[in-house]
Amino acid sequence: MNPAIAAPQPLLPSHRVLWAGRILSALLVAFFAFDAIMKVIAIAPVIEASTKLGYTVTAIRPLGLVLLLTTVLFAVPRTAVLGALLLTAYLGGATATMVIAGQPFYFPVVFGVLVWTSLSMRRPALRTL
């Protein structure tokens, strides 16, 4: 067989990049899970902050459940890409909320970049896209 026509080898991340991606993903999952749980149990500071941004009290718990579900999907390797897509959509809504409220909107944008950075460190095939 001609070596020039051999099938391309799959991209494998180095151990350092792989572990950095796993650690970054774990930190993101911890942050998102904490935020989601605080919304689900609806503690007073979360209710106050959310209502200042224009959300009704009845919308806070469902938003927390959506964030929790998308975080779980991101944490599971098999559904991580779907979770990243849904987290990106959630963070897009957060960005829009911050813009409408006249607040700095860099925080959700940075977290969206971190989601995809961590995922691409764990799955190098995503970098070829």
Protein backbone atom coordinates (compact mmCIF):
# COMPACT_ATOMS: atom_id res chain seq x y z
CA MET A 1 0.00 0.00 0.00
CA ASN A 2 1.27 3.43 -0.88
CA PRO A 3 1.97 5.40 2.35
CA ALA A 4 1.00 8.66 0.63
CA ILE A 5 -2.57 7.41 0.23
CA ALA A 6 -2.92 5.99 3.75
CA ALA A 7 -5.96 6.98 5.77
CA PRO A 8 -5.48 10.11 7.86
CA GLN A 9 -4.70 9.50 11.50
CA PRO A 10 -7.23 10.85 14.02
CA LEU A 11 -6.13 13.91 15.91
CA LEU A 12 -5.15 13.03 19.47
CA PRO A 13 -4.65 15.74 22.04
CA SER A 14 -1.53 15.82 24.15
CA HIS A 15 -2.07 14.73 27.73
CA ARG A 16 -1.51 18.27 29.01
CA VAL A 17 -4.03 19.81 26.63
CA LEU A 18 -6.53 17.03 27.34
CA TRP A 19 -6.23 17.46 31.11
CA ALA A 20 -6.34 21.24 30.85
CA GLY A 21 -9.57 20.90 28.86
CA ARG A 22 -11.00 18.49 31.43
CA ILE A 23 -10.09 20.79 34.32
CA LEU A 24 -11.50 23.86 32.58
CA SER A 25 -14.67 21.93 31.76
CA ALA A 26 -15.00 20.80 35.38
CA LEU A 27 -14.65 24.38 36.60
CA LEU A 28 -17.29 25.53 34.12
CA VAL A 29 -19.63 22.71 35.12
CA ALA A 30 -19.17 23.60 38.80
CA PHE A 31 -19.92 27.28 38.12
CA PHE A 32 -22.97 26.59 35.94
CA ALA A 33 -24.31 23.94 38.34
CA PHE A 34 -23.95 26.33 41.28
CA ASP A 35 -25.72 29.09 39.36
CA ALA A 36 -28.49 26.71 38.27
CA ILE A 37 -29.06 25.33 41.77
CA MET A 38 -29.26 28.84 43.22
CA LYS A 39 -31.94 29.64 40.64
CA VAL A 40 -33.84 26.39 41.28
CA ILE A 41 -33.95 26.88 45.05
CA ALA A 42 -34.69 30.57 44.40
CA ILE A 43 -32.68 32.24 47.13
CA ALA A 44 -33.42 35.89 47.85
CA PRO A 45 -30.29 37.46 46.25
CA VAL A 46 -30.92 35.54 43.01
CA ILE A 47 -34.56 36.62 42.92
CA GLU A 48 -33.57 40.22 43.58
CA ALA A 49 -30.85 40.26 40.92
CA SER A 50 -33.04 38.53 38.34
CA THR A 51 -36.00 40.84 38.87
CA LYS A 52 -33.68 43.85 38.48
CA LEU A 53 -32.76 42.44 35.07
CA GLY A 54 -36.43 42.25 34.10
CA TYR A 55 -37.28 38.60 34.81
CA THR A 56 -40.42 37.66 36.69
CA VAL A 57 -40.13 35.60 39.85
CA THR A 58 -41.93 32.71 38.13
CA ALA A 59 -39.33 32.61 35.32
CA ILE A 60 -36.30 32.14 37.57
CA ARG A 61 -36.81 28.49 38.51
CA PRO A 62 -37.43 27.31 34.90
CA LEU A 63 -34.29 29.17 33.79
CA GLY A 64 -32.35 27.36 36.50
CA LEU A 65 -33.69 24.01 35.33
CA VAL A 66 -32.74 24.75 31.72
CA LEU A 67 -29.23 25.73 32.83
CA LEU A 68 -28.95 22.60 34.97
CA LEU A 69 -30.04 20.34 32.10
CA THR A 70 -27.67 21.92 29.59
CA THR A 71 -24.83 21.75 32.13
CA VAL A 72 -25.43 18.02 32.66
CA LEU A 73 -25.43 17.50 28.89
CA PHE A 74 -22.12 19.39 28.64
CA ALA A 75 -20.61 17.35 31.49
CA VAL A 76 -21.39 13.97 29.89
CA PRO A 77 -18.76 13.23 27.22
CA ARG A 78 -21.23 11.61 24.86
CA THR A 79 -23.55 14.66 24.82
CA ALA A 80 -20.93 17.38 25.39
CA VAL A 81 -21.29 18.97 21.95
CA LEU A 82 -25.08 19.22 22.31
CA GLY A 83 -24.58 20.63 25.81
CA ALA A 84 -22.10 23.20 24.48
CA LEU A 85 -24.56 24.27 21.78
CA LEU A 86 -27.36 24.66 24.32
CA LEU A 87 -25.10 26.47 26.79
CA THR A 88 -24.13 28.83 23.98
CA ALA A 89 -27.80 29.56 23.36
CA TYR A 90 -28.41 30.11 27.07
CA LEU A 91 -25.42 32.45 27.29
CA GLY A 92 -26.66 34.29 24.20
CA GLY A 93 -29.88 34.99 26.07
CA ALA A 94 -27.86 36.14 29.06
CA THR A 95 -25.88 38.46 26.81
CA ALA A 96 -29.05 39.92 25.33
CA THR A 97 -30.46 40.42 28.82
CA MET A 98 -27.35 42.30 29.91
CA VAL A 99 -27.44 44.51 26.82
CA ILE A 100 -31.11 45.35 27.33
CA ALA A 101 -30.50 46.07 31.02
CA GLY A 102 -27.61 48.37 30.14
CA GLN A 103 -25.10 46.20 32.01
CA PRO A 104 -21.64 45.09 30.81
CA PHE A 105 -22.18 42.00 28.69
CA TYR A 106 -18.66 40.57 28.50
CA PHE A 107 -19.20 37.99 31.28
CA PRO A 108 -21.54 35.61 29.37
CA VAL A 109 -19.53 36.10 26.18
CA VAL A 110 -16.31 35.07 27.95
CA PHE A 111 -18.02 32.01 29.42
CA GLY A 112 -19.28 31.01 25.97
CA VAL A 113 -15.74 31.21 24.63
CA LEU A 114 -14.49 29.15 27.58
CA VAL A 115 -17.13 26.46 26.95
CA TRP A 116 -15.96 25.96 23.37
CA THR A 117 -12.28 26.30 24.28
CA SER A 118 -12.55 23.57 26.90
CA LEU A 119 -14.52 21.33 24.54
CA SER A 120 -12.01 21.78 21.70
CA MET A 121 -9.19 20.93 24.11
CA ARG A 122 -10.97 17.67 24.97
CA ARG A 123 -11.99 16.93 21.36
CA PRO A 124 -9.34 18.04 18.88
CA ALA A 125 -11.53 17.05 15.93
CA LEU A 126 -13.63 20.14 16.70
CA ARG A 127 -10.61 22.32 15.90
CA THR A 128 -10.67 21.14 12.29
CA LEU A 129 -14.10 22.68 11.80
